[in-house]
Amino acid sequence: MASKIVMIVVLIFDLIAFGLAVAAEQRRSTGISTADAEDDYNYCVYDSDIATGYGVGALLFLMASQALIMVASKCFCCGNPLKPGGSRACALLLFLVCWVTFIIAEICLLAGSVRNAYHTKYRTRFFENPPSCETVRKGVFAAGAAFVFLTGLISEFYYVSFSSSNARGNFGSYGGGEAGVGMAAYK
């Protein structure tokens, strides 16, 4: 049986990570090219840099959620063998998909946070092209939020599938605790 406390804590962490990723998308920094007091140089002025903190916070909460699920399930490969059947196959498939979506979400959040924190520092003369004032593209944090949602959903299903096929005490008819071919009892 899946631990309800683990599932609730993971759900809360995933919801916080999703909320922070959406907030980071809404609060992306923007830059404007501005002339200095003498109108000799143009330079970039950026507004709030809060989206970087939101993105890093979402990254850390998602990482904590994934770590908690992997510790609770012993990362699928450690611990007692799982009961053969559909639950084990489903748990394996969900384990792999969970890691893929987790990695994509982490990459989106990390890339968005790094790019949002980068501000151009150079200045140009008034007769040259103005500085580009590059910022993070729209949708990077939103993609991270979507993959945070998918990771949270898949990790919950993974944990339930893993728990339902967990072999603690359920291998009596499968050979006395081993995941092999059952043989007649030796007396």
C-alpha atoms as a PDB file:
ATOM      1  CA  MET A   1       0.000   0.000   0.000  1.00  0.00           C
ATOM      2  CA  ALA A   2       1.309   3.414  -0.928  1.00  0.00           C
ATOM      3  CA  SER A   3       2.109   5.742   1.939  1.00  0.00           C
ATOM      4  CA  LYS A   4      -0.421   8.560   1.997  1.00  0.00           C
ATOM      5  CA  ILE A   5       1.993  10.869   3.788  1.00  0.00           C
ATOM      6  CA  VAL A   6       4.609  10.449   1.051  1.00  0.00           C
ATOM      7  CA  MET A   7       2.015  11.055  -1.637  1.00  0.00           C
ATOM      8  CA  ILE A   8       0.666  14.180   0.071  1.00  0.00           C
ATOM      9  CA  VAL A   9       4.138  15.649   0.654  1.00  0.00           C
ATOM     10  CA  VAL A  10       5.148  14.927  -2.956  1.00  0.00           C
ATOM     11  CA  LEU A  11       1.902  16.486  -4.202  1.00  0.00           C
ATOM     12  CA  ILE A  12       2.511  19.612  -2.110  1.00  0.00           C
ATOM     13  CA  PHE A  13       6.106  19.909  -3.362  1.00  0.00           C
ATOM     14  CA  ASP A  14       4.958  19.478  -6.964  1.00  0.00           C
ATOM     15  CA  LEU A  15       2.208  22.078  -6.573  1.00  0.00           C
ATOM     16  CA  ILE A  16       4.692  24.560  -5.089  1.00  0.00           C
ATOM     17  CA  ALA A  17       7.150  23.872  -7.924  1.00  0.00           C
ATOM     18  CA  PHE A  18       4.376  24.321 -10.501  1.00  0.00           C
ATOM     19  CA  GLY A  19       3.241  27.585  -8.908  1.00  0.00           C
ATOM     20  CA  LEU A  20       6.779  28.945  -8.789  1.00  0.00           C
ATOM     21  CA  ALA A  21       7.373  28.016 -12.445  1.00  0.00           C
ATOM     22  CA  VAL A  22       4.166  29.783 -13.502  1.00  0.00           C
ATOM     23  CA  ALA A  23       5.131  32.817 -11.403  1.00  0.00           C
ATOM     24  CA  ALA A  24       8.569  32.835 -13.036  1.00  0.00           C
ATOM     25  CA  GLU A  25       6.931  32.886 -16.466  1.00  0.00           C
ATOM     26  CA  GLN A  26       4.753  35.823 -15.429  1.00  0.00           C
ATOM     27  CA  ARG A  27       7.636  37.795 -13.905  1.00  0.00           C
ATOM     28  CA  ARG A  28      10.322  37.345 -16.573  1.00  0.00           C
ATOM     29  CA  SER A  29      12.691  40.297 -16.666  1.00  0.00           C
ATOM     30  CA  THR A  30      12.516  42.721 -19.543  1.00  0.00           C
ATOM     31  CA  GLY A  31      15.178  45.115 -20.741  1.00  0.00           C
ATOM     32  CA  ILE A  32      14.992  48.473 -22.443  1.00  0.00           C
ATOM     33  CA  SER A  33      17.729  50.329 -24.246  1.00  0.00           C
ATOM     34  CA  THR A  34      18.226  53.711 -22.545  1.00  0.00           C
ATOM     35  CA  ALA A  35      20.458  56.653 -23.345  1.00  0.00           C
ATOM     36  CA  ASP A  36      22.733  58.065 -20.645  1.00  0.00           C
ATOM     37  CA  ALA A  37      22.563  61.644 -19.351  1.00  0.00           C
ATOM     38  CA  GLU A  38      24.772  63.085 -22.101  1.00  0.00           C
ATOM     39  CA  ASP A  39      23.110  61.004 -24.866  1.00  0.00           C
ATOM     40  CA  ASP A  40      26.507  59.571 -25.820  1.00  0.00           C
ATOM     41  CA  TYR A  41      25.856  55.950 -24.924  1.00  0.00           C
ATOM     42  CA  ASN A  42      22.965  53.519 -24.963  1.00  0.00           C
ATOM     43  CA  TYR A  43      22.806  50.813 -22.317  1.00  0.00           C
ATOM     44  CA  CYS A  44      20.306  48.224 -21.103  1.00  0.00           C
ATOM     45  CA  VAL A  45      18.116  48.760 -18.062  1.00  0.00           C
ATOM     46  CA  TYR A  46      16.411  45.643 -16.692  1.00  0.00           C
ATOM     47  CA  ASP A  47      13.453  45.439 -14.382  1.00  0.00           C
ATOM     48  CA  SER A  48      13.009  42.972 -11.511  1.00  0.00           C
ATOM     49  CA  ASP A  49      15.080  39.787 -11.456  1.00  0.00           C
ATOM     50  CA  ILE A  50      12.605  37.850  -9.287  1.00  0.00           C
ATOM     51  CA  ALA A  51      11.900  35.244 -11.987  1.00  0.00           C
ATOM     52  CA  THR A  52      15.365  33.781 -11.482  1.00  0.00           C
ATOM     53  CA  GLY A  53      14.595  33.097  -7.830  1.00  0.00           C
ATOM     54  CA  TYR A  54      11.209  31.632  -8.716  1.00  0.00           C
ATOM     55  CA  GLY A  55      12.785  29.365 -11.322  1.00  0.00           C
ATOM     56  CA  VAL A  56      15.477  28.144  -8.939  1.00  0.00           C
ATOM     57  CA  GLY A  57      12.857  27.589  -6.237  1.00  0.00           C
ATOM     58  CA  ALA A  58      10.739  25.524  -8.633  1.00  0.00           C
ATOM     59  CA  LEU A  59      13.832  23.551  -9.610  1.00  0.00           C
ATOM     60  CA  LEU A  60      14.665  22.781  -5.971  1.00  0.00           C
ATOM     61  CA  PHE A  61      11.108  21.814  -4.989  1.00  0.00           C
ATOM     62  CA  LEU A  62      10.836  19.506  -8.001  1.00  0.00           C
ATOM     63  CA  MET A  63      14.195  17.967  -7.123  1.00  0.00           C
ATOM     64  CA  ALA A  64      13.060  17.408  -3.521  1.00  0.00           C
ATOM     65  CA  SER A  65       9.848  15.810  -4.749  1.00  0.00           C
ATOM     66  CA  GLN A  66      11.712  13.466  -7.081  1.00  0.00           C
ATOM     67  CA  ALA A  67      14.224  12.566  -4.376  1.00  0.00           C
ATOM     68  CA  LEU A  68      11.428  11.771  -1.930  1.00  0.00           C
ATOM     69  CA  ILE A  69       9.669   9.485  -4.415  1.00  0.00           C
ATOM     70  CA  MET A  70      12.923   7.716  -5.279  1.00  0.00           C
ATOM     71  CA  VAL A  71      13.848   7.216  -1.607  1.00  0.00           C
ATOM     72  CA  ALA A  72      10.360   5.921  -0.798  1.00  0.00           C
ATOM     73  CA  SER A  73      10.467   3.467  -3.715  1.00  0.00           C
ATOM     74  CA  LYS A  74      14.164   2.660  -3.257  1.00  0.00           C
ATOM     75  CA  CYS A  75      14.758   3.954  -6.791  1.00  0.00           C
ATOM     76  CA  PHE A  76      12.944   0.914  -8.258  1.00  0.00           C
ATOM     77  CA  CYS A  77      16.093  -1.215  -8.397  1.00  0.00           C
ATOM     78  CA  CYS A  78      17.059  -1.599  -4.737  1.00  0.00           C
ATOM     79  CA  GLY A  79      15.182  -3.428  -2.038  1.00  0.00           C
ATOM     80  CA  ASN A  80      12.926  -6.454  -2.270  1.00  0.00           C
ATOM     81  CA  PRO A  81      12.020  -7.863  -5.692  1.00  0.00           C
ATOM     82  CA  LEU A  82       8.675  -6.853  -7.109  1.00  0.00           C
ATOM     83  CA  LYS A  83       5.779  -9.215  -7.685  1.00  0.00           C
ATOM     84  CA  PRO A  84       5.593 -10.232 -11.371  1.00  0.00           C
ATOM     85  CA  GLY A  85       2.678  -8.862 -13.308  1.00  0.00           C
ATOM     86  CA  GLY A  86       1.160  -5.791 -14.854  1.00  0.00           C
ATOM     87  CA  SER A  87       1.869  -3.534 -11.881  1.00  0.00           C
ATOM     88  CA  ARG A  88       5.609  -4.169 -12.155  1.00  0.00           C
ATOM     89  CA  ALA A  89       5.622  -3.502 -15.901  1.00  0.00           C
ATOM     90  CA  CYS A  90       3.575  -0.349 -15.392  1.00  0.00           C
ATOM     91  CA  ALA A  91       5.872   0.775 -12.572  1.00  0.00           C
ATOM     92  CA  LEU A  92       8.939   0.261 -14.778  1.00  0.00           C
ATOM     93  CA  LEU A  93       7.436   2.216 -17.653  1.00  0.00           C
ATOM     94  CA  LEU A  94       6.303   5.035 -15.369  1.00  0.00           C
ATOM     95  CA  PHE A  95       9.736   5.080 -13.679  1.00  0.00           C
ATOM     96  CA  LEU A  96      11.445   5.699 -17.020  1.00  0.00           C
ATOM     97  CA  VAL A  97       8.923   8.290 -18.204  1.00  0.00           C
ATOM     98  CA  CYS A  98       9.079  10.022 -14.819  1.00  0.00           C
ATOM     99  CA  TRP A  99      12.841  10.460 -15.118  1.00  0.00           C
ATOM    100  CA  VAL A 100      12.592  11.743 -18.700  1.00  0.00           C
ATOM    101  CA  THR A 101       9.996  14.376 -17.802  1.00  0.00           C
ATOM    102  CA  PHE A 102      11.945  15.284 -14.661  1.00  0.00           C
ATOM    103  CA  ILE A 103      15.140  15.902 -16.637  1.00  0.00           C
ATOM    104  CA  ILE A 104      13.296  17.997 -19.241  1.00  0.00           C
ATOM    105  CA  ALA A 105      11.607  20.067 -16.509  1.00  0.00           C
ATOM    106  CA  GLU A 106      14.911  20.635 -14.718  1.00  0.00           C
ATOM    107  CA  ILE A 107      16.616  21.685 -17.974  1.00  0.00           C
ATOM    108  CA  CYS A 108      13.822  24.150 -18.794  1.00  0.00           C
ATOM    109  CA  LEU A 109      13.848  25.666 -15.316  1.00  0.00           C
ATOM    110  CA  LEU A 110      17.632  25.850 -15.104  1.00  0.00           C
ATOM    111  CA  ALA A 111      18.038  27.310 -18.598  1.00  0.00           C
ATOM    112  CA  GLY A 112      15.275  29.851 -17.957  1.00  0.00           C
ATOM    113  CA  SER A 113      16.771  30.881 -14.623  1.00  0.00           C
ATOM    114  CA  VAL A 114      20.282  31.244 -16.017  1.00  0.00           C
ATOM    115  CA  ARG A 115      19.102  33.149 -19.074  1.00  0.00           C
ATOM    116  CA  ASN A 116      16.869  35.404 -16.978  1.00  0.00           C
ATOM    117  CA  ALA A 117      19.794  36.242 -14.679  1.00  0.00           C
ATOM    118  CA  TYR A 118      22.044  37.153 -17.616  1.00  0.00           C
ATOM    119  CA  HIS A 119      22.025  40.859 -18.356  1.00  0.00           C
ATOM    120  CA  THR A 120      24.065  42.513 -21.064  1.00  0.00           C
ATOM    121  CA  LYS A 121      26.589  44.915 -19.569  1.00  0.00           C
ATOM    122  CA  TYR A 122      27.944  46.696 -22.627  1.00  0.00           C
ATOM    123  CA  ARG A 123      27.130  50.148 -23.938  1.00  0.00           C
ATOM    124  CA  THR A 124      27.184  51.534 -27.477  1.00  0.00           C
ATOM    125  CA  ARG A 125      27.641  55.022 -28.862  1.00  0.00           C
ATOM    126  CA  PHE A 126      24.525  56.875 -29.956  1.00  0.00           C
ATOM    127  CA  PHE A 127      25.297  56.467 -33.706  1.00  0.00           C
ATOM    128  CA  GLU A 128      25.841  52.687 -33.471  1.00  0.00           C
ATOM    129  CA  ASN A 129      23.165  50.001 -33.186  1.00  0.00           C
ATOM    130  CA  PRO A 130      21.533  49.990 -29.756  1.00  0.00           C
ATOM    131  CA  PRO A 131      22.320  47.050 -27.460  1.00  0.00           C
ATOM    132  CA  SER A 132      20.074  44.028 -27.839  1.00  0.00           C
ATOM    133  CA  CYS A 133      18.939  43.813 -24.176  1.00  0.00           C
ATOM    134  CA  GLU A 134      18.279  40.096 -24.561  1.00  0.00           C
ATOM    135  CA  THR A 135      16.031  38.349 -22.059  1.00  0.00           C
ATOM    136  CA  VAL A 136      14.676  34.839 -21.627  1.00  0.00           C
ATOM    137  CA  ARG A 137      12.259  33.783 -24.365  1.00  0.00           C
ATOM    138  CA  LYS A 138       8.591  33.668 -23.591  1.00  0.00           C
ATOM    139  CA  GLY A 139       7.478  30.128 -22.794  1.00  0.00           C
ATOM    140  CA  VAL A 140      10.670  28.665 -21.316  1.00  0.00           C
ATOM    141  CA  PHE A 141       9.327  28.749 -17.771  1.00  0.00           C
ATOM    142  CA  ALA A 142       5.884  27.730 -19.062  1.00  0.00           C
ATOM    143  CA  ALA A 143       7.402  24.625 -20.653  1.00  0.00           C
ATOM    144  CA  GLY A 144       9.148  23.944 -17.357  1.00  0.00           C
ATOM    145  CA  ALA A 145       5.812  24.319 -15.544  1.00  0.00           C
ATOM    146  CA  ALA A 146       4.137  21.894 -17.948  1.00  0.00           C
ATOM    147  CA  PHE A 147       6.843  19.304 -17.402  1.00  0.00           C
ATOM    148  CA  VAL A 148       6.708  19.882 -13.635  1.00  0.00           C
ATOM    149  CA  PHE A 149       3.002  19.051 -13.802  1.00  0.00           C
ATOM    150  CA  LEU A 150       3.661  15.937 -15.902  1.00  0.00           C
ATOM    151  CA  THR A 151       6.466  14.817 -13.618  1.00  0.00           C
ATOM    152  CA  GLY A 152       4.277  15.226 -10.559  1.00  0.00           C
ATOM    153  CA  LEU A 153       1.415  13.293 -12.126  1.00  0.00           C
ATOM    154  CA  ILE A 154       3.600  10.478 -13.439  1.00  0.00           C
ATOM    155  CA  SER A 155       5.610  10.177 -10.221  1.00  0.00           C
ATOM    156  CA  GLU A 156       2.397   9.758  -8.198  1.00  0.00           C
ATOM    157  CA  PHE A 157       1.201   7.015 -10.568  1.00  0.00           C
ATOM    158  CA  TYR A 158       4.651   5.427 -10.459  1.00  0.00           C
ATOM    159  CA  TYR A 159       4.621   5.300  -6.679  1.00  0.00           C
ATOM    160  CA  VAL A 160       1.146   3.752  -6.594  1.00  0.00           C
ATOM    161  CA  SER A 161       2.128   1.130  -9.206  1.00  0.00           C
ATOM    162  CA  PHE A 162       5.357   0.397  -7.390  1.00  0.00           C
ATOM    163  CA  SER A 163       3.581   0.043  -4.067  1.00  0.00           C
ATOM    164  CA  SER A 164       0.936  -2.278  -5.474  1.00  0.00           C
ATOM    165  CA  SER A 165       3.578  -4.606  -6.897  1.00  0.00           C
ATOM    166  CA  ASN A 166       5.906  -4.387  -3.887  1.00  0.00           C
ATOM    167  CA  ALA A 167       6.847  -7.889  -2.788  1.00  0.00           C
ATOM    168  CA  ARG A 168       6.989  -7.631   0.997  1.00  0.00           C
ATOM    169  CA  GLY A 169       5.367 -10.842   2.172  1.00  0.00           C
ATOM    170  CA  ASN A 170       3.561 -11.438  -1.118  1.00  0.00           C
ATOM    171  CA  PHE A 171       5.893 -14.038  -2.567  1.00  0.00           C
ATOM    172  CA  GLY A 172       4.549 -17.043  -0.618  1.00  0.00           C
ATOM    173  CA  SER A 173       3.190 -18.624  -3.783  1.00  0.00           C
ATOM    174  CA  TYR A 174       6.209 -17.659  -5.884  1.00  0.00           C
ATOM    175  CA  GLY A 175       8.887 -19.796  -4.255  1.00  0.00           C
ATOM    176  CA  GLY A 176       9.265 -18.449  -0.747  1.00  0.00           C
ATOM    177  CA  GLY A 177      10.692 -14.965  -1.293  1.00  0.00           C
ATOM    178  CA  GLU A 178      12.615 -15.287  -4.543  1.00  0.00           C
ATOM    179  CA  ALA A 179      11.549 -13.952  -7.886  1.00  0.00           C
ATOM    180  CA  GLY A 180      12.047 -17.212  -9.716  1.00  0.00           C
ATOM    181  CA  VAL A 181      10.224 -20.352 -10.696  1.00  0.00           C
ATOM    182  CA  GLY A 182       8.321 -21.852  -7.770  1.00  0.00           C
ATOM    183  CA  MET A 183       9.336 -25.403  -6.882  1.00  0.00           C
ATOM    184  CA  ALA A 184       7.861 -27.942  -4.565  1.00  0.00           C
ATOM    185  CA  ALA A 185       8.744 -27.500  -0.928  1.00  0.00           C
ATOM    186  CA  TYR A 186      11.816 -29.499   0.189  1.00  0.00           C
ATOM    187  CA  LYS A 187      11.199 -31.496   3.338  1.00  0.00           C
END
